[in-house]
Amino acid sequence: MAEEKFDLKELDDLERRIGGKKLDYIRFEFSDLNGLSRGVTVPRKQVPSALKNGVSFFAGALSITPRADLVFIKELVDLHLPNCTYLPSPHTLQLLPWAGKRTNAGKTEDNQRTIGQVLCESAWIAPFRGGGRMEACPRYLLRKQLDRLDKLGYVFKSAFEVEFTAYNKSTNKPVFPGVDAGSTLVFSQFEDYLLTLDENLQQIGIDASSIVVEHGEGQFEFALEPSDGIKSADSLFRAKHAIKEISHQFGYQATFMSKPTKDASPNGLHLNVSLWKKYADGTLKNAFHDAADKHGLSLLHRYWIAGLIKHGKSLCAFYCPTYNCYKRIHKFMAPDKIDWGVDDRTAAFRAKSSSHAATYCENRIPSGASNPYLVVAATIIAGLDGIINRLDVQPARTDRIDPATTATVGKRRDSVKDNVFPYSLSEALDELENDDIMRECLGEEFIRWFVQMKREGEIETLDNLSEEEQWQKERELYFEFI
């Protein structure tokens, strides 16, 4: 699927908005399969050419592990480990207000460089496959699924709620002790830090609807405002890395790793989704809402949920994509059974409807360690399967939490009989490989790249270690960069 070319007018417009000052450098950034930002920084003199033609960089950067261990993918080996072209995507150029500080300004009056950022997608270098997009590029995969929705007449609206844990870099301990969810006192102690994060996100077009102290030592949550199309995934991709970079300036290490330590509260990522039907007069109607239904849920909303439930096991490969993620799920108040409920905080998929505008499906399974592009792409594939094939949804759960049984949560159950999520990354990858719809929509090449990277880069490294050795190795793999 072609994307319009980057228009250099965007660069002129941005530099005009910042008072006519020229950008000193631009980061050409892309998401690897892990959701980590990688890329090339280009000096101003070369920027116009790079924006027009893209930048050349190692093609294998797309499929390396979180710590950049190389996985020998067939296409890359056959081409002798080639470069590819990272092409800038239109409407993604931004100034990074926190970046570019000079540590020793000397006699220079201005102690800050101007650093820009543009998001990219990877393309093969011609003549290989005609120089087309790489099928394993996460952002490209999401655009293809959004295009399917567009052709069916729907606007995709979504928003993320993301949790992270901040550690003091000098002590390697959480920035505050205790479990003080929602504490305004704790918030006030970190007010400058949290509001600096928010102010910088606002300056790059990312708005938070709320910021809270979460249920863990050093843990916070940013809930982002809903947006259309790919912007939600772009925003979370940018926000996660902005939070990590700005945290360093405060002497903190922010991590989205699912479970940083045995005793840490896990970092989750909730995805809120709705589909809006487009009409000829330009109006939009929330296709997930039905005022005549006692819960306010349309039949299409139920089809969507049915698709998510059908593909729940294979979705887990993207929702919980690291070895460490499986220390988070199957615990109290964390995803366990593949089910849904009406405004039920304990269900995997939570249908909510308080009005026409506020009817959506909350997906509680993803980990903070997941790749937002792959999370959204896979969610659309599953939901569309439910809509296109009009899948019947199982009854919503109605049972209540029994405090007397919470201690048994986490004990392994029969994954088929009890319809629970996978218990390991390896099990989730098996489910993904056996999911024909996912394979068809994401492409055999992407599935092969993703599975090989996960099996060779993570599972084979961690599977045969003792529990203590696993914790240590997981921390090495995920803590700093995830």
Protein backbone atom coordinates (compact mmCIF):
# COMPACT_ATOMS: atom_id res chain seq x y z
CA MET A 1 0.00 0.00 0.00
CA ALA A 2 1.57 3.25 -1.16
CA GLU A 3 2.00 6.22 1.15
CA GLU A 4 2.18 9.78 -0.11
CA LYS A 5 5.71 11.17 -0.32
CA PHE A 6 7.11 13.51 2.29
CA ASP A 7 6.58 17.15 1.32
CA LEU A 8 9.51 19.45 2.15
CA LYS A 9 6.92 22.14 2.91
CA GLU A 10 6.51 20.38 6.27
CA LEU A 11 10.08 21.32 7.15
CA ASP A 12 9.48 24.96 6.18
CA ASP A 13 6.25 25.05 8.18
CA LEU A 14 7.89 23.59 11.29
CA GLU A 15 10.82 25.99 11.16
CA ARG A 16 8.43 28.90 10.70
CA ARG A 17 6.46 27.79 13.79
CA ILE A 18 9.63 27.81 15.91
CA GLY A 19 10.41 31.41 14.99
CA GLY A 20 12.31 30.86 11.77
CA LYS A 21 15.12 28.98 13.46
CA LYS A 22 16.62 26.13 11.44
CA LEU A 23 16.70 22.63 12.87
CA ASP A 24 20.27 21.59 13.62
CA TYR A 25 19.58 17.86 13.27
CA ILE A 26 16.71 15.50 12.52
CA ARG A 27 16.34 12.02 13.94
CA PHE A 28 14.99 9.59 11.35
CA GLU A 29 13.34 7.03 13.65
CA PHE A 30 11.52 3.76 13.06
CA SER A 31 9.96 1.05 15.21
CA ASP A 32 11.70 -2.31 15.25
CA LEU A 33 9.69 -5.47 15.90
CA ASN A 34 10.07 -4.92 19.65
CA GLY A 35 8.56 -1.43 19.43
CA LEU A 36 11.92 0.20 20.23
CA SER A 37 12.99 3.36 18.46
CA ARG A 38 16.03 2.96 16.21
CA GLY A 39 17.33 5.24 13.53
CA VAL A 40 19.81 7.69 12.07
CA THR A 41 20.51 11.32 13.02
CA VAL A 42 21.08 13.62 10.04
CA PRO A 43 22.80 17.06 10.16
CA ARG A 44 20.86 20.03 8.74
CA LYS A 45 22.84 20.28 5.49
CA GLN A 46 21.79 16.77 4.49
CA VAL A 47 18.22 17.03 5.79
CA PRO A 48 16.43 18.10 2.55
CA SER A 49 17.94 15.20 0.61
CA ALA A 50 17.21 12.72 3.41
CA LEU A 51 13.59 13.87 3.71
CA LYS A 52 13.18 13.47 -0.04
CA ASN A 53 14.98 10.15 -0.52
CA GLY A 54 15.10 8.53 2.90
CA VAL A 55 18.17 7.34 4.79
CA SER A 56 20.16 4.15 4.33
CA PHE A 57 20.67 1.90 7.34
CA PHE A 58 21.07 -1.80 8.19
CA ALA A 59 17.92 -3.73 7.24
CA GLY A 60 18.46 -6.17 10.10
CA ALA A 61 17.85 -3.39 12.62
CA LEU A 62 14.17 -4.18 12.17
CA SER A 63 14.53 -7.67 13.61
CA ILE A 64 17.28 -7.45 16.24
CA THR A 65 16.59 -8.21 19.90
CA PRO A 66 16.01 -5.45 22.48
CA ARG A 67 19.77 -5.45 23.17
CA ALA A 68 20.58 -5.47 19.42
CA ASP A 69 21.61 -9.12 19.10
CA LEU A 70 21.44 -10.09 15.44
CA VAL A 71 18.96 -12.73 14.31
CA PHE A 72 19.87 -14.26 10.96
CA ILE A 73 16.67 -13.89 8.95
CA LYS A 74 16.70 -15.74 5.61
CA GLU A 75 16.15 -12.68 3.38
CA LEU A 76 18.90 -10.76 5.15
CA VAL A 77 21.35 -13.66 4.87
CA ASP A 78 20.51 -14.21 1.19
CA LEU A 79 21.23 -10.53 0.52
CA HIS A 80 24.48 -10.59 2.55
CA LEU A 81 23.07 -8.48 5.41
CA PRO A 82 22.05 -5.46 3.32
CA ASN A 83 20.98 -1.94 4.09
CA CYS A 84 17.46 -0.77 3.39
CA THR A 85 15.95 2.69 2.98
CA TYR A 86 14.06 4.26 5.87
CA LEU A 87 11.49 6.54 4.24
CA PRO A 88 10.04 9.46 6.23
CA SER A 89 6.28 9.37 6.72
CA PRO A 90 4.35 12.55 5.96
CA HIS A 91 2.86 14.59 8.81
CA THR A 92 5.22 13.09 11.42
CA LEU A 93 7.95 15.75 11.58
CA GLN A 94 8.21 17.30 15.05
CA LEU A 95 10.57 19.41 17.14
CA LEU A 96 11.79 17.54 20.25
CA PRO A 97 11.80 20.32 22.88
CA TRP A 98 13.69 18.31 25.52
CA ALA A 99 16.49 17.17 23.20
CA GLY A 100 19.72 18.84 22.16
CA LYS A 101 20.94 20.37 25.42
CA ARG A 102 24.63 21.27 25.35
CA THR A 103 26.46 19.98 28.42
CA ASN A 104 29.19 22.58 27.97
CA ALA A 105 27.88 25.63 26.14
CA GLY A 106 31.14 27.57 26.55
CA LYS A 107 30.82 31.05 25.14
CA THR A 108 27.75 30.10 23.10
CA GLU A 109 24.75 32.09 24.24
CA ASP A 110 22.32 29.41 23.13
CA ASN A 111 22.81 26.24 25.18
CA GLN A 112 20.28 24.18 23.22
CA ARG A 113 20.44 22.72 19.75
CA THR A 114 17.19 22.28 17.82
CA ILE A 115 16.49 18.62 17.21
CA GLY A 116 13.69 17.31 15.02
CA GLN A 117 12.18 13.87 14.70
CA VAL A 118 10.46 12.18 11.78
CA LEU A 119 8.94 8.70 11.79
CA CYS A 120 9.97 6.28 9.06
CA GLU A 121 9.02 3.03 7.37
CA SER A 122 11.53 0.60 5.90
CA ALA A 123 11.77 -0.25 2.20
CA TRP A 124 14.00 -2.64 0.30
CA ILE A 125 16.64 -1.13 -1.95
CA ALA A 126 15.83 -1.68 -5.63
CA PRO A 127 16.00 -3.84 -7.62
CA PHE A 128 15.09 -6.23 -4.79
CA ARG A 129 11.28 -6.40 -4.75
CA GLY A 130 11.20 -3.18 -6.71
CA GLY A 131 12.23 -1.15 -3.69
CA GLY A 132 8.86 -1.78 -2.03
CA ARG A 133 8.04 -1.58 1.69
CA MET A 134 9.41 -4.35 3.90
CA GLU A 135 6.56 -6.64 4.91
CA ALA A 136 7.92 -6.89 8.46
CA CYS A 137 7.75 -3.12 9.10
CA PRO A 138 5.33 -2.66 12.06
CA ARG A 139 4.05 0.78 11.04
CA TYR A 140 3.42 -0.36 7.47
CA LEU A 141 1.51 -3.41 8.73
CA LEU A 142 -0.77 -1.18 10.78
CA ARG A 143 -1.43 1.15 7.85
CA LYS A 144 -2.58 -1.84 5.79
CA GLN A 145 -5.13 -2.84 8.43
CA LEU A 146 -6.38 0.72 8.79
CA ASP A 147 -6.84 0.80 5.03
CA ARG A 148 -9.13 -2.24 5.30
CA LEU A 149 -11.30 -0.39 7.81
CA ASP A 150 -11.35 2.71 5.64
CA LYS A 151 -12.59 0.72 2.64
CA LEU A 152 -15.43 -0.60 4.79
CA GLY A 153 -16.39 2.99 5.70
CA TYR A 154 -15.09 3.11 9.26
CA VAL A 155 -12.92 5.58 11.15
CA PHE A 156 -10.81 3.87 13.80
CA LYS A 157 -10.58 5.76 17.09
CA SER A 158 -8.31 4.57 19.88
CA ALA A 159 -6.47 5.62 23.01
CA PHE A 160 -3.84 4.02 25.24
CA GLU A 161 -3.40 3.99 29.00
CA VAL A 162 0.24 3.17 29.70
CA GLU A 163 1.97 2.33 32.98
CA PHE A 164 5.68 2.64 33.71
CA THR A 165 7.98 2.41 36.70
CA ALA A 166 10.60 5.07 37.49
CA TYR A 167 13.82 4.05 39.21
CA ASN A 168 16.48 6.27 40.75
CA LYS A 169 19.58 5.70 38.60
CA SER A 170 21.96 6.22 41.50
CA THR A 171 20.27 3.71 43.85
CA ASN A 172 18.56 1.45 41.28
CA LYS A 173 15.45 1.53 43.48
CA PRO A 174 11.92 2.80 42.68
CA VAL A 175 11.62 6.57 43.12
CA PHE A 176 9.11 6.07 45.93
CA PRO A 177 8.36 3.11 48.22
CA GLY A 178 4.98 1.71 49.13
CA VAL A 179 1.76 1.05 47.27
CA ASP A 180 0.02 4.42 47.20
CA ALA A 181 -2.31 4.31 44.21
CA GLY A 182 -3.93 7.66 43.50
CA SER A 183 -2.02 9.45 46.26
CA THR A 184 -1.97 13.18 45.67
CA LEU A 185 0.79 13.50 48.26
CA VAL A 186 3.08 11.20 46.27
CA PHE A 187 2.07 13.02 43.08
CA SER A 188 3.03 16.36 44.61
CA GLN A 189 6.48 15.02 45.45
CA PHE A 190 7.02 14.21 41.76
CA GLU A 191 4.97 17.06 40.35
CA ASP A 192 7.84 18.74 38.51
CA TYR A 193 8.87 15.45 36.92
CA LEU A 194 5.36 14.39 35.85
CA LEU A 195 4.26 17.80 34.62
CA THR A 196 7.53 18.25 32.70
CA LEU A 197 6.76 14.96 30.96
CA ASP A 198 3.26 16.14 30.15
CA GLU A 199 4.33 19.59 28.94
CA ASN A 200 6.89 18.09 26.59
CA LEU A 201 4.37 15.58 25.25
CA GLN A 202 1.91 18.41 24.60
CA GLN A 203 4.55 20.22 22.58
CA ILE A 204 4.84 17.25 20.22
CA GLY A 205 1.06 16.95 19.83
CA ILE A 206 0.38 14.26 22.43
CA ASP A 207 -2.33 15.09 24.98
CA ALA A 208 -2.88 13.16 28.18
CA SER A 209 -6.37 12.93 29.62
CA SER A 210 -5.00 12.05 33.07
CA ILE A 211 -1.80 11.33 35.00
CA VAL A 212 -1.93 9.22 38.16
CA VAL A 213 0.21 7.50 40.74
CA GLU A 214 -0.32 3.80 40.15
CA HIS A 215 -0.53 0.70 42.33
CA GLY A 216 3.18 -0.02 42.68
CA GLU A 217 6.44 1.36 43.98
CA GLY A 218 7.63 4.12 41.65
CA GLN A 219 4.77 3.45 39.24
CA PHE A 220 2.81 6.03 37.25
CA GLU A 221 0.22 5.98 34.47
CA PHE A 222 -0.41 8.34 31.57
CA ALA A 223 -3.81 7.97 29.88
CA LEU A 224 -3.66 9.47 26.39
CA GLU A 225 -6.50 11.23 24.60
CA PRO A 226 -8.28 9.34 21.77
CA SER A 227 -7.19 9.97 18.20
CA ASP A 228 -8.02 8.71 14.71
CA GLY A 229 -6.21 6.20 12.57
CA ILE A 230 -2.50 5.65 13.06
CA LYS A 231 -1.98 8.68 15.28
CA SER A 232 -2.69 6.77 18.49
CA ALA A 233 0.06 4.22 17.83
CA ASP A 234 2.44 6.95 16.64
CA SER A 235 1.71 8.93 19.81
CA LEU A 236 2.41 6.02 22.16
CA PHE A 237 5.59 5.10 20.27
CA ARG A 238 6.81 8.69 20.65
CA ALA A 239 5.55 9.07 24.22
CA LYS A 240 7.29 5.97 25.58
CA HIS A 241 10.65 7.12 24.28
CA ALA A 242 10.07 10.72 25.34
CA ILE A 243 9.32 9.52 28.87
CA LYS A 244 12.52 7.46 28.94
CA GLU A 245 14.68 10.31 27.60
CA ILE A 246 13.27 13.01 29.87
CA SER A 247 13.48 10.67 32.87
CA HIS A 248 17.23 10.40 32.28
CA GLN A 249 17.46 14.19 32.61
CA PHE A 250 15.89 13.87 36.08
CA GLY A 251 18.31 11.11 37.09
CA TYR A 252 15.61 8.44 36.68
CA GLN A 253 15.33 5.29 34.63
CA ALA A 254 11.78 4.78 33.32
CA THR A 255 10.92 1.25 32.26
CA PHE A 256 7.86 -0.25 30.59
CA MET A 257 9.14 -3.78 31.25
CA SER A 258 6.20 -5.96 32.27
CA LYS A 259 7.58 -6.98 35.65
CA PRO A 260 10.92 -5.35 36.47
CA THR A 261 11.46 -7.36 39.69
CA LYS A 262 9.73 -10.15 41.59
CA ASP A 263 8.03 -7.70 43.93
CA ALA A 264 7.28 -4.96 41.39
CA SER A 265 3.75 -4.15 40.34
CA PRO A 266 3.49 -5.12 36.64
CA ASN A 267 3.29 -2.48 33.92
CA GLY A 268 0.20 -2.85 31.76
CA LEU A 269 -1.11 -1.12 28.66
CA HIS A 270 -4.84 -0.77 28.06
CA LEU A 271 -6.14 -0.09 24.55
CA ASN A 272 -9.54 1.61 24.15
CA VAL A 273 -11.15 1.23 20.73
CA SER A 274 -14.27 2.29 18.85
CA LEU A 275 -15.34 2.29 15.20
CA TRP A 276 -17.18 5.25 13.72
CA LYS A 277 -19.24 4.89 10.54
CA LYS A 278 -18.64 7.55 7.89
CA TYR A 279 -21.65 9.00 6.06
CA ALA A 280 -21.85 10.87 2.77
CA ASP A 281 -22.64 14.18 4.47
CA GLY A 282 -19.41 13.94 6.48
CA THR A 283 -21.02 12.98 9.78
CA LEU A 284 -19.74 10.14 11.95
CA LYS A 285 -21.73 7.73 14.10
CA ASN A 286 -20.29 5.49 16.79
CA ALA A 287 -20.87 2.01 15.34
CA PHE A 288 -20.24 0.41 18.74
CA HIS A 289 -23.25 2.15 20.31
CA ASP A 290 -26.92 1.15 20.24
CA ALA A 291 -29.28 3.20 22.38
CA ALA A 292 -31.92 0.46 22.15
CA ASP A 293 -29.68 -2.14 23.78
CA LYS A 294 -29.93 -2.38 27.57
CA HIS A 295 -26.14 -2.04 27.85
CA GLY A 296 -25.82 0.47 24.98
CA LEU A 297 -23.83 -2.02 22.87
CA SER A 298 -24.43 -2.54 19.17
CA LEU A 299 -24.37 -5.90 17.43
CA LEU A 300 -21.25 -4.80 15.60
CA HIS A 301 -19.57 -4.11 18.94
CA ARG A 302 -20.37 -7.69 19.97
CA TYR A 303 -19.02 -9.06 16.69
CA TRP A 304 -15.80 -7.16 17.33
CA ILE A 305 -15.48 -8.66 20.82
CA ALA A 306 -16.23 -12.13 19.45
CA GLY A 307 -13.30 -11.75 17.07
CA LEU A 308 -10.99 -10.73 19.90
CA ILE A 309 -12.07 -13.75 21.94
CA LYS A 310 -11.65 -16.13 18.99
CA HIS A 311 -8.08 -14.94 18.42
CA GLY A 312 -7.24 -14.28 22.07
CA LYS A 313 -4.48 -16.88 22.30
CA SER A 314 -2.63 -15.75 19.18
CA LEU A 315 -3.13 -12.06 20.04
CA CYS A 316 -1.14 -12.75 23.18
CA ALA A 317 2.01 -13.04 21.05
CA PHE A 318 1.69 -9.29 20.35
CA TYR A 319 -0.02 -8.19 23.55
CA CYS A 320 2.54 -9.97 25.76
CA PRO A 321 5.56 -10.20 23.44
CA THR A 322 8.44 -10.77 25.86
CA TYR A 323 9.47 -13.72 27.98
CA ASN A 324 9.05 -11.55 31.05
CA CYS A 325 5.43 -10.67 30.17
CA TYR A 326 4.22 -14.05 31.40
CA LYS A 327 5.21 -13.13 34.93
CA ARG A 328 2.47 -10.48 34.73
CA ILE A 329 -0.59 -12.34 33.45
CA HIS A 330 -2.62 -15.05 35.23
CA LYS A 331 -2.43 -13.04 38.42
CA PHE A 332 -5.14 -11.28 40.44
CA MET A 333 -6.56 -8.30 38.51
CA ALA A 334 -4.41 -9.24 35.49
CA PRO A 335 -5.54 -11.03 32.31
CA ASP A 336 -6.23 -14.74 32.80
CA LYS A 337 -9.36 -16.07 31.12
CA ILE A 338 -10.30 -15.06 27.56
CA ASP A 339 -13.64 -13.44 28.30
CA TRP A 340 -15.54 -10.18 28.22
CA GLY A 341 -17.83 -8.22 30.47
CA VAL A 342 -19.95 -5.10 30.59
CA ASP A 343 -17.93 -2.47 32.46
CA ASP A 344 -16.21 -5.34 34.29
CA ARG A 345 -12.71 -4.44 35.44
CA THR A 346 -11.83 -8.13 35.88
CA ALA A 347 -12.69 -9.18 32.31
CA ALA A 348 -10.09 -9.35 29.54
CA PHE A 349 -12.25 -7.25 27.20
CA ARG A 350 -14.36 -4.60 28.93
CA ALA A 351 -17.30 -3.15 26.98
CA LYS A 352 -18.17 0.33 28.22
CA SER A 353 -21.09 2.56 27.26
CA SER A 354 -22.21 5.65 29.12
CA SER A 355 -23.26 7.62 26.03
CA HIS A 356 -23.05 7.63 22.23
CA ALA A 357 -19.65 9.30 22.36
CA ALA A 358 -18.36 7.19 25.25
CA THR A 359 -19.00 3.67 23.98
CA TYR A 360 -15.87 1.65 23.38
CA CYS A 361 -14.08 -1.63 24.03
CA GLU A 362 -11.27 -1.61 26.58
CA ASN A 363 -8.63 -4.26 25.93
CA ARG A 364 -6.86 -5.04 29.21
CA ILE A 365 -4.39 -7.69 28.00
CA PRO A 366 -1.42 -5.78 26.51
CA SER A 367 1.74 -5.24 28.50
CA GLY A 368 3.63 -1.97 28.71
CA ALA A 369 6.41 -3.83 26.86
CA SER A 370 4.31 -4.35 23.73
CA ASN A 371 4.74 -2.70 20.33
CA PRO A 372 1.77 -0.32 19.80
CA TYR A 373 1.78 -0.78 16.02
CA LEU A 374 1.53 -4.56 16.28
CA VAL A 375 -1.00 -4.40 19.14
CA VAL A 376 -3.37 -2.24 17.09
CA ALA A 377 -2.81 -4.08 13.79
CA ALA A 378 -3.54 -7.48 15.34
CA THR A 379 -6.56 -6.09 17.22
CA ILE A 380 -8.07 -4.80 13.96
CA ILE A 381 -7.49 -8.16 12.26
CA ALA A 382 -9.27 -10.03 15.06
CA GLY A 383 -12.10 -7.52 15.35
CA LEU A 384 -12.70 -7.47 11.60
CA ASP A 385 -12.84 -11.26 11.53
CA GLY A 386 -15.68 -11.01 14.03
CA ILE A 387 -17.47 -8.32 12.02
CA ILE A 388 -17.03 -9.81 8.55
CA ASN A 389 -18.06 -13.30 9.65
CA ARG A 390 -20.66 -12.12 12.17
CA LEU A 391 -19.25 -14.27 14.92
CA ASP A 392 -21.46 -15.02 17.90
CA VAL A 393 -20.05 -13.70 21.12
CA GLN A 394 -20.15 -15.83 24.26
CA PRO A 395 -22.23 -14.48 27.17
CA ALA A 396 -20.62 -11.68 29.15
CA ARG A 397 -19.19 -12.75 32.47
CA THR A 398 -21.41 -11.98 35.43
CA ASP A 399 -19.62 -13.71 38.31
CA ARG A 400 -18.27 -11.57 41.11
CA ILE A 401 -14.78 -11.52 42.61
CA ASP A 402 -14.55 -13.91 45.55
CA PRO A 403 -11.83 -12.66 47.93
CA ALA A 404 -11.56 -16.17 49.38
CA THR A 405 -10.34 -17.60 46.06
CA THR A 406 -7.90 -14.90 44.96
CA ALA A 407 -4.95 -16.85 46.37
CA THR A 408 -5.53 -19.57 43.75
CA VAL A 409 -5.25 -17.15 40.83
CA GLY A 410 -2.16 -17.91 38.79
CA LYS A 411 -2.27 -21.69 39.17
CA ARG A 412 -1.94 -23.30 35.76
CA ARG A 413 -5.19 -24.50 34.22
CA ASP A 414 -6.11 -26.41 31.08
CA SER A 415 -5.71 -23.74 28.40
CA VAL A 416 -8.26 -25.39 26.07
CA LYS A 417 -10.88 -26.46 28.58
CA ASP A 418 -10.73 -23.25 30.61
CA ASN A 419 -10.06 -20.96 27.61
CA VAL A 420 -7.25 -19.03 29.25
CA PHE A 421 -4.43 -17.02 27.72
CA PRO A 422 -1.11 -18.77 27.04
CA TYR A 423 1.24 -19.33 29.95
CA SER A 424 4.45 -18.63 28.04
CA LEU A 425 5.78 -16.71 25.06
CA SER A 426 6.54 -20.02 23.33
CA GLU A 427 2.92 -21.14 23.71
CA ALA A 428 1.67 -17.79 22.38
CA LEU A 429 3.95 -18.04 19.33
CA ASP A 430 2.62 -21.55 18.63
CA GLU A 431 -0.90 -20.14 18.68
CA LEU A 432 0.13 -17.33 16.33
CA GLU A 433 1.69 -19.74 13.84
CA ASN A 434 -1.51 -21.81 13.85
CA ASP A 435 -3.83 -18.81 13.34
CA ASP A 436 -4.66 -18.77 9.61
CA ILE A 437 -6.37 -15.37 9.70
CA MET A 438 -3.37 -13.72 11.38
CA ARG A 439 -0.97 -15.36 8.95
CA GLU A 440 -3.01 -14.23 5.97
CA CYS A 441 -3.47 -10.64 7.11
CA LEU A 442 0.00 -10.02 8.55
CA GLY A 443 1.81 -12.03 5.91
CA GLU A 444 3.91 -15.19 6.11
CA GLU A 445 7.14 -13.20 5.96
CA PHE A 446 6.31 -11.03 8.95
CA ILE A 447 5.15 -14.02 11.01
CA ARG A 448 8.38 -15.87 10.23
CA TRP A 449 10.58 -12.88 11.10
CA PHE A 450 8.71 -12.16 14.33
CA VAL A 451 8.63 -15.76 15.55
CA GLN A 452 12.28 -16.40 14.69
CA MET A 453 13.40 -13.23 16.44
CA LYS A 454 11.45 -14.15 19.59
CA ARG A 455 12.47 -17.81 19.67
CA GLU A 456 16.17 -17.32 18.93
CA GLY A 457 16.65 -13.95 20.58
CA GLU A 458 14.69 -14.50 23.80
CA ILE A 459 13.29 -17.99 24.41
CA GLU A 460 16.48 -19.93 23.64
CA THR A 461 18.43 -17.49 25.80
CA LEU A 462 16.13 -17.76 28.81
CA ASP A 463 14.43 -21.15 28.76
CA ASN A 464 17.14 -23.24 30.42
CA LEU A 465 18.13 -20.80 33.15
CA SER A 466 17.24 -21.09 36.81
CA GLU A 467 14.59 -18.74 38.15
CA GLU A 468 17.17 -16.38 39.63
CA GLU A 469 19.25 -16.45 36.45
CA GLN A 470 16.10 -15.71 34.41
CA TRP A 471 15.32 -12.61 36.46
CA GLN A 472 18.87 -11.35 36.00
CA LYS A 473 18.92 -12.03 32.25
CA GLU A 474 15.46 -10.55 31.72
CA ARG A 475 16.59 -7.39 33.44
CA GLU A 476 19.58 -7.24 31.08
CA LEU A 477 17.35 -7.78 28.05
CA TYR A 478 14.43 -5.53 28.84
CA PHE A 479 14.86 -3.11 31.73
CA GLU A 480 16.75 -0.24 30.11
CA PHE A 481 15.41 -0.21 26.56
CA ILE A 482 11.83 -1.58 26.83
